Amino acid sequence: MNEVAFAPATPPTGAETYSSAMADAKNYISWILDSFSTYVSTPILEIGVGHGSYANLLCDRGSYTGIDIDPRSVELARERLPQLDFQVVDITGPEMVLFARERRFRTIVCLNVIEHIADDATAVINLARALEPGGHLLIIVPALQLLYNDLDRLAGHHRRYTRGQIYDLLVAAGLDVVRCDYFNPIGGLGWLGNRILRHGSLNDDAVNSQISLFDKWFVPLSRFADPATRKFFGQSVIAAGRKP
């Protein structure tokens, strides 16, 4: 549905797609989950288990399952949190809906995943089909193609999104859009600044230092500014779709 801005020959997977400092970005992670708190009910399915920090918090809310296309990520998640259910599932394949039917998910959390998938429309349709009626699909994706830089390329991002594109994806999947906003304006300015820098790794000291600095000092400022910029600018698009 969306134009592919960058299609990696060998797409990165698992830990290659994020910076290790993200696992410790507690203020940022809390802000994201607080933004979704109105819509969360159980059972919960998380798409893309990544560094595990979201799983640590989501499991406190009730029944939790995490899935990832990368077997190594699932293996590591099982080692970190052996009490939780983690499975290898491709959300663009028919097995996704079959997997979800027996678990009757009321909330699907999909944070910074859709941008990694060439066929994003099929992925969102499958996630919508996997929800129970009345349940919510909660997503965050990178915003605004203007911000695309080396960090997106290294992470294997096919694109960044506008609010309108995410709104259209949710509606095409049969969901009622209950929220669709830009998110994190100061992070967006930082991402824009990174366009003039050259990066060779997501996990070097320069990138991880930026994340730590932002989480400690700038998340409170960005939270304060966010209500004023939601309709026109942010690092991400945050959205919630409800299944009728």
C-alpha atoms as a PDB file:
ATOM      1  CA  MET A   1       0.000   0.000   0.000  1.00  0.00           C
ATOM      2  CA  ASN A   2       2.863   2.376   0.784  1.00  0.00           C
ATOM      3  CA  GLU A   3       5.792   3.163  -1.463  1.00  0.00           C
ATOM      4  CA  VAL A   4       8.958   1.356  -0.408  1.00  0.00           C
ATOM      5  CA  ALA A   5      11.695   3.918   0.231  1.00  0.00           C
ATOM      6  CA  PHE A   6      14.395   1.394   1.037  1.00  0.00           C
ATOM      7  CA  ALA A   7      14.291  -2.353   0.479  1.00  0.00           C
ATOM      8  CA  PRO A   8      17.347  -4.046   2.030  1.00  0.00           C
ATOM      9  CA  ALA A   9      18.817  -6.937   0.052  1.00  0.00           C
ATOM     10  CA  THR A  10      19.301  -8.876   3.279  1.00  0.00           C
ATOM     11  CA  PRO A  11      16.876  -7.427   5.823  1.00  0.00           C
ATOM     12  CA  PRO A  12      18.311  -7.178   9.347  1.00  0.00           C
ATOM     13  CA  THR A  13      16.474  -9.132  12.034  1.00  0.00           C
ATOM     14  CA  GLY A  14      16.339  -9.345  15.806  1.00  0.00           C
ATOM     15  CA  ALA A  15      18.934  -7.324  17.719  1.00  0.00           C
ATOM     16  CA  GLU A  16      20.303  -5.909  14.457  1.00  0.00           C
ATOM     17  CA  THR A  17      17.196  -3.720  14.156  1.00  0.00           C
ATOM     18  CA  TYR A  18      17.512  -1.698  17.375  1.00  0.00           C
ATOM     19  CA  SER A  19      20.093  -0.096  19.644  1.00  0.00           C
ATOM     20  CA  SER A  20      20.918  -1.895  22.885  1.00  0.00           C
ATOM     21  CA  ALA A  21      20.326   1.296  24.902  1.00  0.00           C
ATOM     22  CA  MET A  22      16.606   1.050  24.064  1.00  0.00           C
ATOM     23  CA  ALA A  23      16.255  -1.702  26.655  1.00  0.00           C
ATOM     24  CA  ASP A  24      17.119   0.825  29.374  1.00  0.00           C
ATOM     25  CA  ALA A  25      15.077   3.747  27.999  1.00  0.00           C
ATOM     26  CA  LYS A  26      12.587   3.400  30.833  1.00  0.00           C
ATOM     27  CA  ASN A  27      11.091   6.898  30.630  1.00  0.00           C
ATOM     28  CA  TYR A  28      10.410   6.551  26.920  1.00  0.00           C
ATOM     29  CA  ILE A  29       8.988   3.035  27.276  1.00  0.00           C
ATOM     30  CA  SER A  30       6.713   4.148  30.123  1.00  0.00           C
ATOM     31  CA  TRP A  31       5.494   7.098  28.046  1.00  0.00           C
ATOM     32  CA  ILE A  32       4.496   4.810  25.184  1.00  0.00           C
ATOM     33  CA  LEU A  33       2.647   2.348  27.408  1.00  0.00           C
ATOM     34  CA  ASP A  34       0.972   5.165  29.361  1.00  0.00           C
ATOM     35  CA  SER A  35      -0.288   6.556  26.038  1.00  0.00           C
ATOM     36  CA  PHE A  36      -2.009   3.237  25.323  1.00  0.00           C
ATOM     37  CA  SER A  37      -3.285   2.484  28.827  1.00  0.00           C
ATOM     38  CA  THR A  38      -6.915   3.355  28.026  1.00  0.00           C
ATOM     39  CA  TYR A  39      -7.072   0.644  25.369  1.00  0.00           C
ATOM     40  CA  VAL A  40      -5.254  -2.279  27.005  1.00  0.00           C
ATOM     41  CA  SER A  41      -7.192  -5.353  28.094  1.00  0.00           C
ATOM     42  CA  THR A  42      -6.185  -8.988  28.275  1.00  0.00           C
ATOM     43  CA  PRO A  43      -5.191 -11.365  26.777  1.00  0.00           C
ATOM     44  CA  ILE A  44      -2.345  -9.317  25.254  1.00  0.00           C
ATOM     45  CA  LEU A  45      -0.280 -10.239  22.199  1.00  0.00           C
ATOM     46  CA  GLU A  46       2.977  -8.369  21.525  1.00  0.00           C
ATOM     47  CA  ILE A  47       4.365  -8.389  17.987  1.00  0.00           C
ATOM     48  CA  GLY A  48       8.176  -8.312  17.853  1.00  0.00           C
ATOM     49  CA  VAL A  49       9.603  -9.142  21.281  1.00  0.00           C
ATOM     50  CA  GLY A  50      12.858  -7.227  20.693  1.00  0.00           C
ATOM     51  CA  HIS A  51      14.757  -6.207  23.813  1.00  0.00           C
ATOM     52  CA  GLY A  52      12.031  -7.498  26.141  1.00  0.00           C
ATOM     53  CA  SER A  53      11.385  -4.270  28.051  1.00  0.00           C
ATOM     54  CA  TYR A  54       7.775  -3.997  26.899  1.00  0.00           C
ATOM     55  CA  ALA A  55       7.099  -7.635  27.810  1.00  0.00           C
ATOM     56  CA  ASN A  56       8.388  -6.970  31.322  1.00  0.00           C
ATOM     57  CA  LEU A  57       5.699  -4.328  31.819  1.00  0.00           C
ATOM     58  CA  LEU A  58       2.854  -5.736  29.726  1.00  0.00           C
ATOM     59  CA  CYS A  59       2.864  -9.065  31.551  1.00  0.00           C
ATOM     60  CA  ASP A  60       1.976  -7.221  34.772  1.00  0.00           C
ATOM     61  CA  ARG A  61      -1.371  -6.328  33.190  1.00  0.00           C
ATOM     62  CA  GLY A  62      -2.471  -9.941  32.738  1.00  0.00           C
ATOM     63  CA  SER A  63      -2.199 -12.791  30.238  1.00  0.00           C
ATOM     64  CA  TYR A  64       0.649 -12.097  27.788  1.00  0.00           C
ATOM     65  CA  THR A  65       2.023 -13.762  24.648  1.00  0.00           C
ATOM     66  CA  GLY A  66       4.920 -12.482  22.552  1.00  0.00           C
ATOM     67  CA  ILE A  67       5.734 -13.443  18.963  1.00  0.00           C
ATOM     68  CA  ASP A  68       8.574 -12.664  16.560  1.00  0.00           C
ATOM     69  CA  ILE A  69       9.620 -13.783  13.092  1.00  0.00           C
ATOM     70  CA  ASP A  70      13.222 -14.130  14.330  1.00  0.00           C
ATOM     71  CA  PRO A  71      13.869 -17.469  16.118  1.00  0.00           C
ATOM     72  CA  ARG A  72      16.887 -16.092  17.973  1.00  0.00           C
ATOM     73  CA  SER A  73      14.827 -13.256  19.447  1.00  0.00           C
ATOM     74  CA  VAL A  74      12.251 -15.759  20.676  1.00  0.00           C
ATOM     75  CA  GLU A  75      14.968 -17.975  22.137  1.00  0.00           C
ATOM     76  CA  LEU A  76      16.468 -15.046  24.055  1.00  0.00           C
ATOM     77  CA  ALA A  77      13.040 -13.906  25.257  1.00  0.00           C
ATOM     78  CA  ARG A  78      12.351 -17.374  26.642  1.00  0.00           C
ATOM     79  CA  GLU A  79      15.673 -17.274  28.493  1.00  0.00           C
ATOM     80  CA  ARG A  80      14.974 -13.825  29.972  1.00  0.00           C
ATOM     81  CA  LEU A  81      11.339 -14.470  30.900  1.00  0.00           C
ATOM     82  CA  PRO A  82      10.778 -18.240  31.081  1.00  0.00           C
ATOM     83  CA  GLN A  83       7.391 -17.787  32.743  1.00  0.00           C
ATOM     84  CA  LEU A  84       5.931 -16.165  29.613  1.00  0.00           C
ATOM     85  CA  ASP A  85       4.752 -17.592  26.295  1.00  0.00           C
ATOM     86  CA  PHE A  86       6.932 -16.670  23.285  1.00  0.00           C
ATOM     87  CA  GLN A  87       6.468 -18.149  19.806  1.00  0.00           C
ATOM     88  CA  VAL A  88       7.933 -17.805  16.303  1.00  0.00           C
ATOM     89  CA  VAL A  89       5.161 -16.524  13.996  1.00  0.00           C
ATOM     90  CA  ASP A  90       5.161 -14.559  10.726  1.00  0.00           C
ATOM     91  CA  ILE A  91       2.379 -11.971  10.904  1.00  0.00           C
ATOM     92  CA  THR A  92       2.135 -11.786   7.111  1.00  0.00           C
ATOM     93  CA  GLY A  93       1.340 -15.511   6.807  1.00  0.00           C
ATOM     94  CA  PRO A  94      -1.951 -17.417   7.253  1.00  0.00           C
ATOM     95  CA  GLU A  95      -0.587 -19.084  10.385  1.00  0.00           C
ATOM     96  CA  MET A  96      -0.932 -15.765  12.211  1.00  0.00           C
ATOM     97  CA  VAL A  97      -4.721 -15.858  12.289  1.00  0.00           C
ATOM     98  CA  LEU A  98      -4.815 -19.579  13.111  1.00  0.00           C
ATOM     99  CA  PHE A  99      -2.372 -18.987  15.980  1.00  0.00           C
ATOM    100  CA  ALA A 100      -4.484 -16.165  17.395  1.00  0.00           C
ATOM    101  CA  ARG A 101      -7.910 -17.798  17.178  1.00  0.00           C
ATOM    102  CA  GLU A 102      -7.390 -20.183  20.059  1.00  0.00           C
ATOM    103  CA  ARG A 103      -5.976 -17.452  22.309  1.00  0.00           C
ATOM    104  CA  ARG A 104      -8.715 -14.837  21.758  1.00  0.00           C
ATOM    105  CA  PHE A 105      -6.553 -11.718  22.036  1.00  0.00           C
ATOM    106  CA  ARG A 106      -8.211  -8.490  23.188  1.00  0.00           C
ATOM    107  CA  THR A 107      -5.114  -6.326  22.683  1.00  0.00           C
ATOM    108  CA  ILE A 108      -2.361  -6.544  20.078  1.00  0.00           C
ATOM    109  CA  VAL A 109       0.665  -4.343  20.725  1.00  0.00           C
ATOM    110  CA  CYS A 110       2.825  -3.702  17.649  1.00  0.00           C
ATOM    111  CA  LEU A 111       5.597  -1.202  18.397  1.00  0.00           C
ATOM    112  CA  ASN A 112       8.020  -0.274  15.615  1.00  0.00           C
ATOM    113  CA  VAL A 113       7.394  -3.412  13.570  1.00  0.00           C
ATOM    114  CA  ILE A 114       5.226  -2.558  10.542  1.00  0.00           C
ATOM    115  CA  GLU A 115       7.934  -0.404   8.960  1.00  0.00           C
ATOM    116  CA  HIS A 116      10.153  -3.511   8.666  1.00  0.00           C
ATOM    117  CA  ILE A 117       7.589  -5.343   6.516  1.00  0.00           C
ATOM    118  CA  ALA A 118       7.407  -4.855   2.754  1.00  0.00           C
ATOM    119  CA  ASP A 119       3.736  -5.934   2.616  1.00  0.00           C
ATOM    120  CA  ASP A 120       2.524  -3.775   5.491  1.00  0.00           C
ATOM    121  CA  ALA A 121      -1.124  -3.896   4.353  1.00  0.00           C
ATOM    122  CA  THR A 122      -1.288  -7.696   4.684  1.00  0.00           C
ATOM    123  CA  ALA A 123       0.383  -7.514   8.086  1.00  0.00           C
ATOM    124  CA  VAL A 124      -2.174  -5.032   9.429  1.00  0.00           C
ATOM    125  CA  ILE A 125      -5.098  -6.995   7.951  1.00  0.00           C
ATOM    126  CA  ASN A 126      -3.846 -10.175   9.637  1.00  0.00           C
ATOM    127  CA  LEU A 127      -3.446  -8.376  12.968  1.00  0.00           C
ATOM    128  CA  ALA A 128      -6.981  -7.033  12.709  1.00  0.00           C
ATOM    129  CA  ARG A 129      -8.317 -10.501  11.886  1.00  0.00           C
ATOM    130  CA  ALA A 130      -6.465 -11.888  14.915  1.00  0.00           C
ATOM    131  CA  LEU A 131      -8.301  -9.562  17.324  1.00  0.00           C
ATOM    132  CA  GLU A 132     -11.449 -10.418  19.227  1.00  0.00           C
ATOM    133  CA  PRO A 133     -14.420  -8.088  18.537  1.00  0.00           C
ATOM    134  CA  GLY A 134     -14.087  -5.017  20.733  1.00  0.00           C
ATOM    135  CA  GLY A 135     -10.317  -5.481  20.981  1.00  0.00           C
ATOM    136  CA  HIS A 136      -7.649  -2.958  20.027  1.00  0.00           C
ATOM    137  CA  LEU A 137      -4.628  -2.950  17.757  1.00  0.00           C
ATOM    138  CA  LEU A 138      -2.048  -0.537  19.213  1.00  0.00           C
ATOM    139  CA  ILE A 139       0.802   0.499  16.961  1.00  0.00           C
ATOM    140  CA  ILE A 140       3.733   2.870  16.723  1.00  0.00           C
ATOM    141  CA  VAL A 141       5.685   3.407  13.510  1.00  0.00           C
ATOM    142  CA  PRO A 142       8.375   5.898  12.431  1.00  0.00           C
ATOM    143  CA  ALA A 143       6.878   9.126  11.103  1.00  0.00           C
ATOM    144  CA  LEU A 144       7.538  11.344   8.082  1.00  0.00           C
ATOM    145  CA  GLN A 145       9.742  10.331   5.166  1.00  0.00           C
ATOM    146  CA  LEU A 146      11.555  13.660   5.583  1.00  0.00           C
ATOM    147  CA  LEU A 147      13.235  12.152   8.676  1.00  0.00           C
ATOM    148  CA  TYR A 148      14.529   9.028   6.902  1.00  0.00           C
ATOM    149  CA  ASN A 149      18.292   8.649   7.531  1.00  0.00           C
ATOM    150  CA  ASP A 150      21.111   6.137   8.074  1.00  0.00           C
ATOM    151  CA  LEU A 151      19.471   4.854  11.259  1.00  0.00           C
ATOM    152  CA  ASP A 152      16.362   3.829   9.322  1.00  0.00           C
ATOM    153  CA  ARG A 153      18.493   2.142   6.680  1.00  0.00           C
ATOM    154  CA  LEU A 154      20.519   0.222   9.280  1.00  0.00           C
ATOM    155  CA  ALA A 155      17.331  -0.902  11.022  1.00  0.00           C
ATOM    156  CA  GLY A 156      15.839  -2.181   7.759  1.00  0.00           C
ATOM    157  CA  HIS A 157      12.964   0.288   7.621  1.00  0.00           C
ATOM    158  CA  HIS A 158      11.102   0.160   4.334  1.00  0.00           C
ATOM    159  CA  ARG A 159       9.438   3.505   4.969  1.00  0.00           C
ATOM    160  CA  ARG A 160       8.304   6.142   7.441  1.00  0.00           C
ATOM    161  CA  TYR A 161       4.617   7.065   7.660  1.00  0.00           C
ATOM    162  CA  THR A 162       2.227   9.976   7.738  1.00  0.00           C
ATOM    163  CA  ARG A 163      -0.827   9.998   9.990  1.00  0.00           C
ATOM    164  CA  GLY A 164      -2.981   9.631   6.910  1.00  0.00           C
ATOM    165  CA  GLN A 165      -1.193   6.500   5.733  1.00  0.00           C
ATOM    166  CA  ILE A 166      -1.620   4.783   9.106  1.00  0.00           C
ATOM    167  CA  TYR A 167      -5.252   5.855   9.309  1.00  0.00           C
ATOM    168  CA  ASP A 168      -5.882   4.359   5.869  1.00  0.00           C
ATOM    169  CA  LEU A 169      -4.136   1.079   6.758  1.00  0.00           C
ATOM    170  CA  LEU A 170      -6.291   0.638   9.868  1.00  0.00           C
ATOM    171  CA  VAL A 171      -9.520   1.484   8.047  1.00  0.00           C
ATOM    172  CA  ALA A 172      -8.646  -0.869   5.165  1.00  0.00           C
ATOM    173  CA  ALA A 173      -8.182  -3.629   7.748  1.00  0.00           C
ATOM    174  CA  GLY A 174     -11.721  -3.046   9.035  1.00  0.00           C
ATOM    175  CA  LEU A 175     -10.848  -1.213  12.240  1.00  0.00           C
ATOM    176  CA  ASP A 176     -12.402   1.894  13.750  1.00  0.00           C
ATOM    177  CA  VAL A 177      -9.600   4.404  14.351  1.00  0.00           C
ATOM    178  CA  VAL A 178      -9.858   5.743  17.904  1.00  0.00           C
ATOM    179  CA  ARG A 179      -6.481   7.477  17.917  1.00  0.00           C
ATOM    180  CA  CYS A 180      -3.969   8.458  15.226  1.00  0.00           C
ATOM    181  CA  ASP A 181      -1.414  11.148  16.106  1.00  0.00           C
ATOM    182  CA  TYR A 182       2.171  12.176  15.657  1.00  0.00           C
ATOM    183  CA  PHE A 183       4.208  11.398  18.766  1.00  0.00           C
ATOM    184  CA  ASN A 184       7.430  12.651  20.386  1.00  0.00           C
ATOM    185  CA  PRO A 185       8.286  15.997  18.753  1.00  0.00           C
ATOM    186  CA  ILE A 186      11.702  16.454  20.354  1.00  0.00           C
ATOM    187  CA  GLY A 187      12.682  12.962  19.271  1.00  0.00           C
ATOM    188  CA  GLY A 188      11.612  13.983  15.772  1.00  0.00           C
ATOM    189  CA  LEU A 189      13.953  16.984  15.856  1.00  0.00           C
ATOM    190  CA  GLY A 190      16.774  14.703  16.979  1.00  0.00           C
ATOM    191  CA  TRP A 191      16.005  12.258  14.173  1.00  0.00           C
ATOM    192  CA  LEU A 192      16.047  15.146  11.707  1.00  0.00           C
ATOM    193  CA  GLY A 193      19.460  16.197  13.046  1.00  0.00           C
ATOM    194  CA  ASN A 194      20.768  12.699  12.412  1.00  0.00           C
ATOM    195  CA  ARG A 195      20.203  13.203   8.684  1.00  0.00           C
ATOM    196  CA  ILE A 196      23.396  15.285   8.561  1.00  0.00           C
ATOM    197  CA  LEU A 197      25.418  12.646  10.443  1.00  0.00           C
ATOM    198  CA  ARG A 198      26.817   9.415   9.024  1.00  0.00           C
ATOM    199  CA  HIS A 199      26.128   6.263  11.018  1.00  0.00           C
ATOM    200  CA  GLY A 200      27.635   2.830  10.424  1.00  0.00           C
ATOM    201  CA  SER A 201      25.932   0.974  13.282  1.00  0.00           C
ATOM    202  CA  LEU A 202      22.831   1.201  15.431  1.00  0.00           C
ATOM    203  CA  ASN A 203      24.824  -0.024  18.383  1.00  0.00           C
ATOM    204  CA  ASP A 204      27.816   2.276  18.519  1.00  0.00           C
ATOM    205  CA  ASP A 205      28.568   4.603  21.439  1.00  0.00           C
ATOM    206  CA  ALA A 206      27.310   7.687  19.616  1.00  0.00           C
ATOM    207  CA  VAL A 207      23.831   6.271  18.977  1.00  0.00           C
ATOM    208  CA  ASN A 208      23.460   4.672  22.392  1.00  0.00           C
ATOM    209  CA  SER A 209      24.597   7.885  24.083  1.00  0.00           C
ATOM    210  CA  GLN A 210      21.946   9.835  22.192  1.00  0.00           C
ATOM    211  CA  ILE A 211      19.263   7.425  23.398  1.00  0.00           C
ATOM    212  CA  SER A 212      20.420   7.576  27.025  1.00  0.00           C
ATOM    213  CA  LEU A 213      20.616  11.364  26.960  1.00  0.00           C
ATOM    214  CA  PHE A 214      17.184  11.696  25.386  1.00  0.00           C
ATOM    215  CA  ASP A 215      15.595   9.292  27.850  1.00  0.00           C
ATOM    216  CA  LYS A 216      17.066  11.017  30.897  1.00  0.00           C
ATOM    217  CA  TRP A 217      16.625  14.686  29.975  1.00  0.00           C
ATOM    218  CA  PHE A 218      14.336  15.157  26.999  1.00  0.00           C
ATOM    219  CA  VAL A 219      11.444  12.719  27.438  1.00  0.00           C
ATOM    220  CA  PRO A 220       9.738  14.990  30.031  1.00  0.00           C
ATOM    221  CA  LEU A 221      10.079  17.981  27.678  1.00  0.00           C
ATOM    222  CA  SER A 222       8.756  16.013  24.723  1.00  0.00           C
ATOM    223  CA  ARG A 223       5.802  14.758  26.759  1.00  0.00           C
ATOM    224  CA  PHE A 224       5.004  18.362  27.671  1.00  0.00           C
ATOM    225  CA  ALA A 225       5.207  19.564  24.047  1.00  0.00           C
ATOM    226  CA  ASP A 226       3.469  16.564  22.497  1.00  0.00           C
ATOM    227  CA  PRO A 227      -0.180  17.708  22.781  1.00  0.00           C
ATOM    228  CA  ALA A 228       0.639  20.819  20.738  1.00  0.00           C
ATOM    229  CA  THR A 229       2.315  18.926  17.852  1.00  0.00           C
ATOM    230  CA  ARG A 230       0.211  15.778  17.515  1.00  0.00           C
ATOM    231  CA  LYS A 231      -1.468  16.801  14.277  1.00  0.00           C
ATOM    232  CA  PHE A 232       1.639  17.829  12.314  1.00  0.00           C
ATOM    233  CA  PHE A 233       4.990  16.558  13.659  1.00  0.00           C
ATOM    234  CA  GLY A 234       6.700  13.844  15.677  1.00  0.00           C
ATOM    235  CA  GLN A 235       9.287  11.101  15.509  1.00  0.00           C
ATOM    236  CA  SER A 236       6.529   8.492  15.337  1.00  0.00           C
ATOM    237  CA  VAL A 237       2.883   7.931  14.532  1.00  0.00           C
ATOM    238  CA  ILE A 238       0.937   6.423  17.420  1.00  0.00           C
ATOM    239  CA  ALA A 239      -2.414   4.827  16.653  1.00  0.00           C
ATOM    240  CA  ALA A 240      -5.140   2.636  18.077  1.00  0.00           C
ATOM    241  CA  GLY A 241      -7.744   0.779  16.037  1.00  0.00           C
ATOM    242  CA  ARG A 242     -10.782  -0.949  17.531  1.00  0.00           C
ATOM    243  CA  LYS A 243     -12.327  -4.041  15.969  1.00  0.00           C
ATOM    244  CA  PRO A 244     -16.118  -3.598  15.682  1.00  0.00           C
END
